[in-house]
């Protein structure tokens, strides 16, 4: 077991999961509700308990894949959703995963990585590689300043900083202060829709 997997596994075992809101986040639920193509191939990385994936599945989407480095939340997800295809539940490191998707949903995943420029660049590059041509990365990014504490998650950042990492790989369709965040996160989230660039 890698150091990263061990860290997250222990947090789930201890139920030290303050990011878990027990339901799909309102902004992502609203975005999902306007999707018409139920055949989209969708990835939820760092899915944890996978409430967005569960909501998608119950809304008629079938090509949903959830990925997490910790096994415990994936097992809990499968137990809650026995009809969800087990082969679409992936226990792996995000950076080792290989596939191509129409849509990737970001929800408290980016903020879990140590906030180093090389890590954030690697995230943007990997997201780009996992998307099909014209695929989209959609989700929420925390909008509050970083501190010098390299242990206390979630890690924040600014719109300007995020765009520095994303613009080489994505066209920015929307990236603005989220207007329908859940109450504890109101004013602290950016909602983004990024479309994969065509890089020659």
N, C-alpha and C. Protein backbone atom coordinates (compact mmCIF):
# COMPACT_ATOMS: atom_id res chain seq x y z
N UNK A 1 0.85 -1.19 0.00
CA UNK A 1 0.00 0.00 0.00
C UNK A 1 0.89 1.24 0.00
N UNK A 2 0.61 2.18 -0.91
CA UNK A 2 1.41 3.39 -0.99
C UNK A 2 1.13 4.30 0.21
N UNK A 3 2.02 5.25 0.43
CA UNK A 3 1.84 6.20 1.53
C UNK A 3 0.54 6.99 1.36
N UNK A 4 0.23 7.36 0.10
CA UNK A 4 -1.00 8.13 -0.15
C UNK A 4 -2.24 7.28 0.12
N UNK A 5 -2.22 6.05 -0.37
CA UNK A 5 -3.36 5.17 -0.13
C UNK A 5 -3.56 4.93 1.37
N UNK A 6 -2.47 4.73 2.07
CA UNK A 6 -2.53 4.50 3.51
C UNK A 6 -3.13 5.70 4.23
N UNK A 7 -2.72 6.90 3.83
CA UNK A 7 -3.22 8.13 4.45
C UNK A 7 -4.75 8.22 4.32
N UNK A 8 -5.24 8.04 3.09
CA UNK A 8 -6.68 8.20 2.86
C UNK A 8 -7.47 7.04 3.45
N UNK A 9 -6.91 5.84 3.43
CA UNK A 9 -7.59 4.70 4.02
C UNK A 9 -7.80 4.92 5.52
N UNK A 10 -6.77 5.44 6.18
CA UNK A 10 -6.87 5.69 7.62
C UNK A 10 -7.91 6.76 7.92
N UNK A 11 -8.01 7.75 7.05
CA UNK A 11 -9.00 8.80 7.28
C UNK A 11 -10.42 8.25 7.17
N UNK A 12 -10.65 7.36 6.22
CA UNK A 12 -11.97 6.74 6.11
C UNK A 12 -12.25 5.81 7.30
N UNK A 13 -11.24 5.06 7.70
CA UNK A 13 -11.41 4.15 8.84
C UNK A 13 -11.78 4.93 10.10
N UNK A 14 -11.15 6.11 10.26
CA UNK A 14 -11.40 6.94 11.45
C UNK A 14 -12.63 7.84 11.28
N UNK A 15 -13.26 7.75 10.11
CA UNK A 15 -14.40 8.61 9.75
C UNK A 15 -14.02 10.09 9.87
N UNK A 16 -12.77 10.37 9.54
CA UNK A 16 -12.25 11.74 9.53
C UNK A 16 -12.45 12.30 8.12
N UNK A 17 -13.72 12.53 7.79
CA UNK A 17 -14.09 12.88 6.41
C UNK A 17 -14.98 14.13 6.40
N UNK A 18 -14.40 15.23 6.85
CA UNK A 18 -15.17 16.47 6.97
C UNK A 18 -15.69 17.02 5.65
N UNK A 19 -15.09 16.57 4.54
CA UNK A 19 -15.52 17.04 3.23
C UNK A 19 -16.81 16.35 2.76
N UNK A 20 -17.15 15.24 3.42
CA UNK A 20 -18.28 14.41 2.99
C UNK A 20 -19.58 15.04 3.45
N UNK A 21 -20.41 15.48 2.50
CA UNK A 21 -21.66 16.17 2.87
C UNK A 21 -22.87 15.24 2.84
N UNK A 22 -22.63 13.96 2.49
CA UNK A 22 -23.69 12.97 2.58
C UNK A 22 -24.70 12.98 1.44
N UNK A 23 -24.42 13.77 0.41
CA UNK A 23 -25.35 13.92 -0.73
C UNK A 23 -24.59 14.59 -1.86
N UNK A 24 -25.13 14.55 -3.10
CA UNK A 24 -24.47 15.27 -4.18
C UNK A 24 -24.49 16.77 -3.90
N UNK A 25 -23.40 17.46 -4.19
CA UNK A 25 -23.37 18.91 -3.94
C UNK A 25 -24.36 19.60 -4.89
N UNK A 26 -24.97 20.66 -4.40
CA UNK A 26 -26.01 21.36 -5.18
C UNK A 26 -25.52 21.82 -6.55
N UNK A 27 -24.35 22.45 -6.65
CA UNK A 27 -23.91 22.91 -7.98
C UNK A 27 -23.75 21.77 -8.98
N UNK A 28 -23.20 20.64 -8.55
CA UNK A 28 -23.03 19.52 -9.48
C UNK A 28 -24.36 18.85 -9.79
N UNK A 29 -25.23 18.76 -8.81
CA UNK A 29 -26.57 18.20 -9.06
C UNK A 29 -27.30 19.05 -10.10
N UNK A 30 -27.20 20.37 -9.97
CA UNK A 30 -27.84 21.28 -10.93
C UNK A 30 -27.25 21.09 -12.32
N UNK A 31 -25.93 20.93 -12.40
CA UNK A 31 -25.28 20.70 -13.70
C UNK A 31 -25.74 19.37 -14.29
N UNK A 32 -25.76 18.33 -13.48
CA UNK A 32 -26.19 16.99 -13.95
C UNK A 32 -27.62 17.05 -14.49
N UNK A 33 -28.48 17.79 -13.81
CA UNK A 33 -29.90 17.84 -14.17
C UNK A 33 -30.13 18.41 -15.57
N UNK A 34 -29.17 19.18 -16.09
CA UNK A 34 -29.38 19.74 -17.43
C UNK A 34 -28.69 18.91 -18.52
N UNK A 35 -28.03 17.83 -18.14
CA UNK A 35 -27.41 16.95 -19.13
C UNK A 35 -28.48 16.09 -19.80
N UNK A 36 -28.47 16.05 -21.11
CA UNK A 36 -29.48 15.29 -21.84
C UNK A 36 -28.96 13.96 -22.37
N UNK A 37 -27.67 13.87 -22.64
CA UNK A 37 -27.10 12.67 -23.24
C UNK A 37 -26.73 11.65 -22.15
N UNK A 38 -27.59 10.65 -21.97
CA UNK A 38 -27.38 9.66 -20.92
C UNK A 38 -26.28 8.65 -21.27
N UNK A 39 -25.77 8.73 -22.50
CA UNK A 39 -24.72 7.80 -22.92
C UNK A 39 -23.31 8.34 -22.63
N UNK A 40 -23.21 9.54 -22.10
CA UNK A 40 -21.90 10.11 -21.81
C UNK A 40 -21.07 9.18 -20.93
N UNK A 41 -19.79 9.11 -21.27
CA UNK A 41 -18.87 8.34 -20.43
C UNK A 41 -18.29 9.32 -19.41
N UNK A 42 -18.56 9.06 -18.12
CA UNK A 42 -18.28 10.03 -17.06
C UNK A 42 -17.37 9.42 -15.99
N UNK A 43 -16.37 10.18 -15.58
CA UNK A 43 -15.48 9.77 -14.50
C UNK A 43 -15.66 10.71 -13.30
N UNK A 44 -15.74 10.12 -12.11
CA UNK A 44 -15.69 10.89 -10.87
C UNK A 44 -14.43 10.44 -10.13
N UNK A 45 -13.32 11.20 -10.25
CA UNK A 45 -12.08 10.80 -9.58
C UNK A 45 -12.06 11.26 -8.13
N UNK A 46 -11.31 10.53 -7.30
CA UNK A 46 -11.31 10.88 -5.88
C UNK A 46 -12.73 10.87 -5.36
N UNK A 47 -13.49 9.87 -5.77
CA UNK A 47 -14.95 9.87 -5.61
C UNK A 47 -15.40 9.73 -4.16
N UNK A 48 -14.55 9.15 -3.32
CA UNK A 48 -14.99 8.93 -1.94
C UNK A 48 -16.27 8.10 -1.92
N UNK A 49 -17.28 8.59 -1.21
CA UNK A 49 -18.54 7.86 -1.12
C UNK A 49 -19.42 8.00 -2.36
N UNK A 50 -19.00 8.82 -3.31
CA UNK A 50 -19.58 8.79 -4.65
C UNK A 50 -21.03 9.23 -4.79
N UNK A 51 -21.43 10.27 -4.05
CA UNK A 51 -22.84 10.68 -4.11
C UNK A 51 -23.24 11.22 -5.48
N UNK A 52 -22.31 11.92 -6.14
CA UNK A 52 -22.62 12.42 -7.49
C UNK A 52 -22.80 11.26 -8.47
N UNK A 53 -21.92 10.25 -8.35
CA UNK A 53 -22.04 9.07 -9.22
C UNK A 53 -23.34 8.33 -8.95
N UNK A 54 -23.71 8.22 -7.70
CA UNK A 54 -24.96 7.56 -7.32
C UNK A 54 -26.16 8.31 -7.91
N UNK A 55 -26.10 9.63 -7.84
CA UNK A 55 -27.18 10.45 -8.40
C UNK A 55 -27.26 10.28 -9.92
N UNK A 56 -26.10 10.28 -10.57
CA UNK A 56 -26.07 10.05 -12.02
C UNK A 56 -26.69 8.70 -12.38
N UNK A 57 -26.28 7.67 -11.66
CA UNK A 57 -26.75 6.31 -11.94
C UNK A 57 -28.27 6.22 -11.77
N UNK A 58 -28.76 6.82 -10.70
CA UNK A 58 -30.20 6.79 -10.44
C UNK A 58 -30.99 7.69 -11.39
N UNK A 59 -30.26 8.56 -12.11
CA UNK A 59 -30.90 9.44 -13.09
C UNK A 59 -30.85 8.87 -14.50
N UNK A 60 -30.33 7.63 -14.63
CA UNK A 60 -30.36 6.96 -15.92
C UNK A 60 -29.05 6.95 -16.68
N UNK A 61 -28.00 7.53 -16.12
CA UNK A 61 -26.68 7.45 -16.75
C UNK A 61 -26.06 6.11 -16.39
N UNK A 62 -25.48 5.44 -17.36
CA UNK A 62 -24.96 4.10 -17.11
C UNK A 62 -23.44 3.99 -17.27
N UNK A 63 -22.84 4.91 -18.04
CA UNK A 63 -21.39 4.83 -18.29
C UNK A 63 -20.62 5.71 -17.31
N UNK A 64 -20.85 5.43 -16.02
CA UNK A 64 -20.22 6.22 -14.97
C UNK A 64 -19.13 5.39 -14.32
N UNK A 65 -17.99 6.01 -14.11
CA UNK A 65 -16.86 5.33 -13.49
C UNK A 65 -16.44 6.12 -12.26
N UNK A 66 -16.27 5.43 -11.14
CA UNK A 66 -15.78 6.12 -9.95
C UNK A 66 -14.41 5.56 -9.61
N UNK A 67 -13.54 6.44 -9.17
CA UNK A 67 -12.15 6.08 -8.91
C UNK A 67 -11.72 6.66 -7.57
N UNK A 68 -11.06 5.84 -6.77
CA UNK A 68 -10.49 6.36 -5.53
C UNK A 68 -9.29 5.51 -5.14
N UNK A 69 -8.34 6.14 -4.47
CA UNK A 69 -7.14 5.43 -4.03
C UNK A 69 -7.42 4.62 -2.77
N UNK A 70 -8.48 4.99 -2.04
CA UNK A 70 -8.88 4.25 -0.83
C UNK A 70 -9.99 3.27 -1.19
N UNK A 71 -9.89 2.06 -0.66
CA UNK A 71 -10.87 1.03 -1.02
C UNK A 71 -12.16 1.11 -0.19
N UNK A 72 -12.06 1.56 1.05
CA UNK A 72 -13.22 1.55 1.96
C UNK A 72 -14.43 2.30 1.40
N UNK A 73 -14.27 3.52 0.88
CA UNK A 73 -15.45 4.21 0.37
C UNK A 73 -16.02 3.54 -0.88
N UNK A 74 -15.17 2.91 -1.68
CA UNK A 74 -15.66 2.20 -2.87
C UNK A 74 -16.50 0.99 -2.46
N UNK A 75 -16.05 0.29 -1.42
CA UNK A 75 -16.82 -0.85 -0.92
C UNK A 75 -18.18 -0.38 -0.38
N UNK A 76 -18.15 0.76 0.32
CA UNK A 76 -19.40 1.32 0.87
C UNK A 76 -20.34 1.73 -0.26
N UNK A 77 -19.78 2.28 -1.32
CA UNK A 77 -20.58 2.68 -2.47
C UNK A 77 -21.24 1.46 -3.11
N UNK A 78 -20.47 0.39 -3.30
CA UNK A 78 -21.01 -0.82 -3.92
C UNK A 78 -22.12 -1.44 -3.05
N UNK A 79 -21.94 -1.37 -1.76
CA UNK A 79 -22.95 -1.90 -0.84
C UNK A 79 -24.24 -1.10 -0.94
N UNK A 80 -24.12 0.23 -1.06
CA UNK A 80 -25.30 1.09 -1.18
C UNK A 80 -25.96 0.96 -2.54
N UNK A 81 -25.16 0.61 -3.55
CA UNK A 81 -25.64 0.56 -4.94
C UNK A 81 -25.30 -0.80 -5.55
N UNK A 82 -25.98 -1.86 -5.11
CA UNK A 82 -25.62 -3.20 -5.56
C UNK A 82 -25.79 -3.42 -7.06
N UNK A 83 -26.61 -2.60 -7.72
CA UNK A 83 -26.81 -2.76 -9.16
C UNK A 83 -25.78 -2.00 -9.99
N UNK A 84 -24.95 -1.22 -9.34
CA UNK A 84 -23.91 -0.47 -10.07
C UNK A 84 -22.84 -1.45 -10.53
N UNK A 85 -22.44 -1.40 -11.82
CA UNK A 85 -21.47 -2.38 -12.33
C UNK A 85 -20.14 -2.32 -11.58
N UNK A 86 -19.74 -3.44 -11.01
CA UNK A 86 -18.51 -3.46 -10.19
C UNK A 86 -17.27 -3.11 -11.00
N UNK A 87 -17.30 -3.42 -12.32
CA UNK A 87 -16.12 -3.12 -13.15
C UNK A 87 -15.97 -1.61 -13.39
N UNK A 88 -16.97 -0.83 -13.02
CA UNK A 88 -16.89 0.63 -13.16
C UNK A 88 -16.54 1.31 -11.84
N UNK A 89 -16.17 0.50 -10.86
CA UNK A 89 -15.68 0.98 -9.58
C UNK A 89 -14.18 0.68 -9.54
N UNK A 90 -13.37 1.72 -9.60
CA UNK A 90 -11.94 1.54 -9.84
C UNK A 90 -11.12 1.94 -8.61
N UNK A 91 -10.42 0.97 -8.06
CA UNK A 91 -9.52 1.23 -6.93
C UNK A 91 -8.12 1.44 -7.51
N UNK A 92 -7.72 2.70 -7.61
CA UNK A 92 -6.45 3.01 -8.27
C UNK A 92 -6.03 4.43 -7.93
N UNK A 93 -4.78 4.71 -8.19
CA UNK A 93 -4.25 6.07 -8.11
C UNK A 93 -4.66 6.82 -9.38
N UNK A 94 -5.23 7.98 -9.22
CA UNK A 94 -5.66 8.81 -10.34
C UNK A 94 -4.58 8.93 -11.42
N UNK A 95 -3.35 9.15 -11.00
CA UNK A 95 -2.28 9.39 -11.97
C UNK A 95 -1.87 8.12 -12.72
N UNK A 96 -2.32 6.97 -12.25
CA UNK A 96 -2.04 5.71 -12.95
C UNK A 96 -3.20 5.24 -13.82
N UNK A 97 -4.33 5.93 -13.71
CA UNK A 97 -5.53 5.50 -14.43
C UNK A 97 -5.43 5.85 -15.91
N UNK A 98 -5.90 4.92 -16.76
CA UNK A 98 -5.89 5.14 -18.21
C UNK A 98 -7.27 4.84 -18.76
N UNK A 99 -7.88 5.81 -19.42
CA UNK A 99 -9.14 5.64 -20.13
C UNK A 99 -9.47 6.99 -20.76
N UNK A 100 -10.60 7.07 -21.45
CA UNK A 100 -11.01 8.35 -22.04
C UNK A 100 -12.48 8.59 -21.77
N UNK A 101 -12.78 9.83 -21.40
CA UNK A 101 -14.13 10.19 -20.95
C UNK A 101 -14.65 11.43 -21.67
N UNK A 102 -15.97 11.51 -21.72
CA UNK A 102 -16.62 12.71 -22.25
C UNK A 102 -16.68 13.81 -21.20
N UNK A 103 -16.75 13.39 -19.93
CA UNK A 103 -16.96 14.33 -18.84
C UNK A 103 -16.27 13.81 -17.58
N UNK A 104 -15.56 14.70 -16.91
CA UNK A 104 -14.98 14.39 -15.60
C UNK A 104 -15.54 15.40 -14.60
N UNK A 105 -16.04 14.89 -13.48
CA UNK A 105 -16.60 15.75 -12.44
C UNK A 105 -15.62 15.91 -11.28
N UNK A 106 -15.34 17.14 -10.95
CA UNK A 106 -14.42 17.49 -9.86
C UNK A 106 -15.20 17.93 -8.63
N UNK A 107 -14.96 17.24 -7.53
CA UNK A 107 -15.64 17.59 -6.27
C UNK A 107 -14.71 17.25 -5.11
N UNK A 108 -14.10 18.25 -4.50
CA UNK A 108 -13.16 18.11 -3.38
C UNK A 108 -12.04 17.09 -3.66
N UNK A 109 -11.59 17.04 -4.91
CA UNK A 109 -10.48 16.15 -5.28
C UNK A 109 -9.20 16.97 -5.42
N UNK A 110 -9.25 18.00 -6.23
CA UNK A 110 -8.10 18.87 -6.46
C UNK A 110 -7.54 19.39 -5.13
N UNK A 111 -8.44 19.77 -4.22
CA UNK A 111 -8.02 20.39 -2.96
C UNK A 111 -7.36 19.41 -2.01
N UNK A 112 -7.35 18.12 -2.36
CA UNK A 112 -6.78 17.11 -1.47
C UNK A 112 -5.28 16.92 -1.70
N UNK A 113 -4.77 17.39 -2.85
CA UNK A 113 -3.36 17.22 -3.17
C UNK A 113 -2.51 18.28 -2.47
N UNK A 114 -1.29 17.94 -2.06
CA UNK A 114 -0.39 18.98 -1.56
C UNK A 114 -0.31 20.12 -2.59
N UNK A 115 -0.47 21.36 -2.14
CA UNK A 115 -0.63 22.48 -3.09
C UNK A 115 0.69 22.98 -3.66
N UNK A 116 1.37 22.08 -4.35
CA UNK A 116 2.65 22.42 -4.98
C UNK A 116 2.41 22.66 -6.47
N UNK A 117 3.14 23.61 -7.06
CA UNK A 117 2.94 23.87 -8.50
C UNK A 117 3.07 22.62 -9.36
N UNK A 118 4.03 21.76 -9.06
CA UNK A 118 4.23 20.57 -9.90
C UNK A 118 3.06 19.60 -9.78
N UNK A 119 2.47 19.51 -8.58
CA UNK A 119 1.31 18.62 -8.37
C UNK A 119 0.10 19.16 -9.12
N UNK A 120 -0.12 20.46 -9.04
CA UNK A 120 -1.29 21.05 -9.68
C UNK A 120 -1.16 21.04 -11.21
N UNK A 121 0.06 21.21 -11.70
CA UNK A 121 0.30 21.08 -13.15
C UNK A 121 0.03 19.64 -13.59
N UNK A 122 0.49 18.68 -12.79
CA UNK A 122 0.29 17.26 -13.13
C UNK A 122 -1.19 16.91 -13.16
N UNK A 123 -1.97 17.49 -12.24
CA UNK A 123 -3.43 17.28 -12.22
C UNK A 123 -4.04 17.76 -13.53
N UNK A 124 -3.70 18.99 -13.94
CA UNK A 124 -4.27 19.55 -15.17
C UNK A 124 -3.89 18.71 -16.39
N UNK A 125 -2.65 18.30 -16.44
CA UNK A 125 -2.16 17.51 -17.58
C UNK A 125 -2.85 16.14 -17.62
N UNK A 126 -3.04 15.52 -16.45
CA UNK A 126 -3.68 14.21 -16.40
C UNK A 126 -5.15 14.31 -16.78
N UNK A 127 -5.83 15.35 -16.32
CA UNK A 127 -7.23 15.56 -16.70
C UNK A 127 -7.34 15.69 -18.22
N UNK A 128 -6.44 16.45 -18.80
CA UNK A 128 -6.41 16.62 -20.26
C UNK A 128 -6.28 15.26 -20.95
N UNK A 129 -5.37 14.42 -20.45
CA UNK A 129 -5.11 13.12 -21.11
C UNK A 129 -6.29 12.16 -20.96
N UNK A 130 -7.10 12.33 -19.92
CA UNK A 130 -8.22 11.41 -19.69
C UNK A 130 -9.48 11.79 -20.46
N UNK A 131 -9.49 12.98 -21.04
CA UNK A 131 -10.68 13.43 -21.75
C UNK A 131 -10.60 13.15 -23.25
N UNK A 132 -11.74 12.81 -23.81
CA UNK A 132 -11.85 12.68 -25.27
C UNK A 132 -11.77 14.07 -25.90
N UNK A 133 -11.55 14.15 -27.22
CA UNK A 133 -11.60 15.45 -27.88
C UNK A 133 -12.91 16.17 -27.54
N UNK A 134 -12.79 17.43 -27.17
CA UNK A 134 -13.94 18.27 -26.76
C UNK A 134 -14.59 17.81 -25.45
N UNK A 135 -13.92 16.90 -24.74
CA UNK A 135 -14.42 16.49 -23.43
C UNK A 135 -14.35 17.63 -22.43
N UNK A 136 -15.09 17.50 -21.33
CA UNK A 136 -15.19 18.59 -20.37
C UNK A 136 -14.81 18.15 -18.95
N UNK A 137 -14.11 19.05 -18.28
CA UNK A 137 -13.84 18.94 -16.85
C UNK A 137 -14.75 19.96 -16.16
N UNK A 138 -15.63 19.47 -15.30
CA UNK A 138 -16.64 20.33 -14.67
C UNK A 138 -16.61 20.12 -13.17
N UNK A 139 -16.64 21.21 -12.43
CA UNK A 139 -16.69 21.02 -10.99
C UNK A 139 -16.47 22.27 -10.18
N UNK A 140 -15.99 22.03 -8.96
CA UNK A 140 -15.85 23.08 -7.95
C UNK A 140 -14.42 23.11 -7.44
N UNK A 141 -13.90 24.32 -7.31
CA UNK A 141 -12.56 24.52 -6.77
C UNK A 141 -12.65 25.54 -5.64
N UNK A 142 -11.96 25.25 -4.54
CA UNK A 142 -12.05 26.15 -3.39
C UNK A 142 -11.36 27.48 -3.66
N UNK A 143 -12.03 28.54 -3.27
CA UNK A 143 -11.59 29.91 -3.53
C UNK A 143 -11.27 30.60 -2.21
N UNK A 144 -10.14 30.20 -1.62
CA UNK A 144 -9.64 30.90 -0.44
C UNK A 144 -8.12 30.74 -0.41
N UNK A 145 -7.43 31.65 0.27
CA UNK A 145 -5.97 31.68 0.17
C UNK A 145 -5.31 30.43 0.74
N UNK A 146 -4.19 30.08 0.14
CA UNK A 146 -3.35 29.04 0.69
C UNK A 146 -2.65 29.56 1.94
N UNK A 147 -2.36 28.65 2.86
CA UNK A 147 -1.54 29.00 4.03
C UNK A 147 -0.22 28.25 3.90
N UNK A 148 0.62 28.38 4.90
CA UNK A 148 1.89 27.65 4.87
C UNK A 148 1.74 26.22 5.41
N UNK A 149 0.53 25.88 5.85
CA UNK A 149 0.28 24.55 6.40
C UNK A 149 0.11 23.55 5.25
N UNK A 150 1.04 22.63 5.14
CA UNK A 150 1.02 21.66 4.04
C UNK A 150 0.28 20.37 4.41
N UNK A 151 -0.35 20.36 5.58
CA UNK A 151 -1.06 19.17 6.02
C UNK A 151 -2.57 19.38 6.11
N UNK A 152 -2.99 20.60 6.39
CA UNK A 152 -4.40 20.84 6.69
C UNK A 152 -5.21 21.02 5.41
N UNK A 153 -5.93 19.97 5.05
CA UNK A 153 -6.81 20.01 3.90
C UNK A 153 -8.18 20.54 4.33
N UNK A 154 -8.97 21.10 3.42
CA UNK A 154 -8.72 21.28 1.99
C UNK A 154 -7.75 22.43 1.72
N UNK A 155 -7.01 22.28 0.63
CA UNK A 155 -6.10 23.32 0.20
C UNK A 155 -6.81 24.23 -0.79
N UNK A 156 -6.68 25.51 -0.59
CA UNK A 156 -7.36 26.47 -1.45
C UNK A 156 -6.49 26.97 -2.58
N UNK A 157 -6.83 28.16 -3.04
CA UNK A 157 -6.13 28.78 -4.16
C UNK A 157 -7.00 29.90 -4.71
N UNK A 158 -6.56 30.46 -5.81
CA UNK A 158 -7.30 31.58 -6.42
C UNK A 158 -7.64 31.27 -7.87
N UNK A 159 -8.61 31.99 -8.37
CA UNK A 159 -9.01 31.84 -9.77
C UNK A 159 -7.81 32.04 -10.69
N UNK A 160 -7.03 33.08 -10.43
CA UNK A 160 -5.86 33.38 -11.27
C UNK A 160 -4.87 32.22 -11.26
N UNK A 161 -4.61 31.67 -10.07
CA UNK A 161 -3.66 30.57 -9.97
C UNK A 161 -4.16 29.35 -10.73
N UNK A 162 -5.43 28.98 -10.52
CA UNK A 162 -5.98 27.82 -11.20
C UNK A 162 -5.90 27.97 -12.72
N UNK A 163 -6.22 29.16 -13.19
CA UNK A 163 -6.20 29.38 -14.65
C UNK A 163 -4.80 29.22 -15.22
N UNK A 164 -3.78 29.56 -14.44
CA UNK A 164 -2.40 29.35 -14.90
C UNK A 164 -2.14 27.88 -15.20
N UNK A 165 -2.74 27.00 -14.41
CA UNK A 165 -2.54 25.56 -14.62
C UNK A 165 -3.43 25.01 -15.72
N UNK A 166 -4.65 25.53 -15.82
CA UNK A 166 -5.64 24.94 -16.72
C UNK A 166 -5.59 25.47 -18.15
N UNK A 167 -5.23 26.73 -18.31
CA UNK A 167 -5.33 27.34 -19.65
C UNK A 167 -4.47 26.67 -20.72
N UNK A 168 -3.29 26.11 -20.41
CA UNK A 168 -2.55 25.42 -21.47
C UNK A 168 -3.29 24.20 -22.03
N UNK A 169 -4.24 23.66 -21.26
CA UNK A 169 -4.91 22.42 -21.65
C UNK A 169 -6.39 22.57 -21.96
N UNK A 170 -6.99 23.66 -21.50
CA UNK A 170 -8.45 23.78 -21.59
C UNK A 170 -8.90 25.16 -22.05
N UNK A 171 -10.00 25.17 -22.82
CA UNK A 171 -10.75 26.39 -23.07
C UNK A 171 -11.66 26.61 -21.86
N UNK A 172 -11.76 27.85 -21.44
CA UNK A 172 -12.57 28.15 -20.26
C UNK A 172 -13.98 28.55 -20.70
N UNK A 173 -14.95 27.66 -20.48
CA UNK A 173 -16.34 27.99 -20.81
C UNK A 173 -16.96 28.84 -19.70
N UNK A 174 -16.74 28.43 -18.46
CA UNK A 174 -17.23 29.16 -17.28
C UNK A 174 -16.20 28.95 -16.17
N UNK A 175 -15.88 30.00 -15.44
CA UNK A 175 -15.11 29.87 -14.21
C UNK A 175 -15.41 31.10 -13.37
N UNK A 176 -16.32 30.93 -12.43
CA UNK A 176 -16.82 32.09 -11.68
C UNK A 176 -17.22 31.67 -10.27
N UNK A 177 -17.42 32.65 -9.42
CA UNK A 177 -17.86 32.36 -8.06
C UNK A 177 -19.18 31.62 -8.10
N UNK A 178 -19.23 30.53 -7.36
CA UNK A 178 -20.41 29.67 -7.37
C UNK A 178 -21.56 30.35 -6.63
N UNK A 179 -22.73 30.36 -7.26
CA UNK A 179 -23.88 31.05 -6.68
C UNK A 179 -24.81 30.10 -5.93
N UNK A 180 -24.61 28.80 -6.06
CA UNK A 180 -25.52 27.86 -5.39
C UNK A 180 -24.77 26.81 -4.57
N UNK A 181 -23.67 27.26 -3.95
CA UNK A 181 -22.93 26.38 -3.04
C UNK A 181 -23.80 25.99 -1.85
N UNK A 182 -23.44 24.89 -1.21
CA UNK A 182 -24.11 24.56 0.05
C UNK A 182 -23.70 25.63 1.08
N UNK A 183 -24.51 25.83 2.10
CA UNK A 183 -24.32 26.95 3.04
C UNK A 183 -22.91 27.04 3.64
N UNK A 184 -22.32 25.93 4.12
CA UNK A 184 -20.99 26.06 4.72
C UNK A 184 -19.89 26.49 3.74
N UNK A 185 -20.15 26.34 2.44
CA UNK A 185 -19.13 26.67 1.43
C UNK A 185 -19.48 27.92 0.62
N UNK A 186 -20.56 28.58 0.99
CA UNK A 186 -20.98 29.76 0.24
C UNK A 186 -19.87 30.83 0.24
N UNK A 187 -19.55 31.32 -0.95
CA UNK A 187 -18.50 32.33 -1.08
C UNK A 187 -17.09 31.76 -1.12
N UNK A 188 -16.98 30.43 -1.00
CA UNK A 188 -15.65 29.81 -0.95
C UNK A 188 -15.39 28.88 -2.13
N UNK A 189 -16.29 28.88 -3.13
CA UNK A 189 -16.13 27.95 -4.25
C UNK A 189 -16.20 28.68 -5.59
N UNK A 190 -15.44 28.17 -6.52
CA UNK A 190 -15.55 28.57 -7.92
C UNK A 190 -16.15 27.41 -8.70
N UNK A 191 -17.10 27.72 -9.58
CA UNK A 191 -17.68 26.68 -10.45
C UNK A 191 -17.05 26.82 -11.83
N UNK A 192 -16.56 25.71 -12.35
CA UNK A 192 -15.87 25.77 -13.64
C UNK A 192 -16.34 24.73 -14.63
N UNK A 193 -16.39 25.13 -15.90
CA UNK A 193 -16.60 24.22 -17.02
C UNK A 193 -15.45 24.46 -17.98
N UNK A 194 -14.56 23.47 -18.09
CA UNK A 194 -13.38 23.57 -18.94
C UNK A 194 -13.47 22.54 -20.06
N UNK A 195 -13.23 22.98 -21.28
CA UNK A 195 -13.30 22.07 -22.43
C UNK A 195 -11.90 21.80 -22.96
N UNK A 196 -11.62 20.53 -23.24
CA UNK A 196 -10.30 20.12 -23.69
C UNK A 196 -9.87 20.88 -24.95
N UNK A 197 -8.68 21.43 -24.89
CA UNK A 197 -8.14 22.15 -26.05
C UNK A 197 -7.70 21.17 -27.13
N UNK A 198 -7.72 21.64 -28.36
CA UNK A 198 -7.16 20.87 -29.47
C UNK A 198 -5.71 21.33 -29.64
N UNK A 199 -4.81 20.54 -29.11
CA UNK A 199 -3.39 20.88 -29.17
C UNK A 199 -2.72 20.09 -30.28
N UNK A 200 -2.09 20.79 -31.19
CA UNK A 200 -1.45 20.12 -32.32
C UNK A 200 -0.10 19.58 -31.92
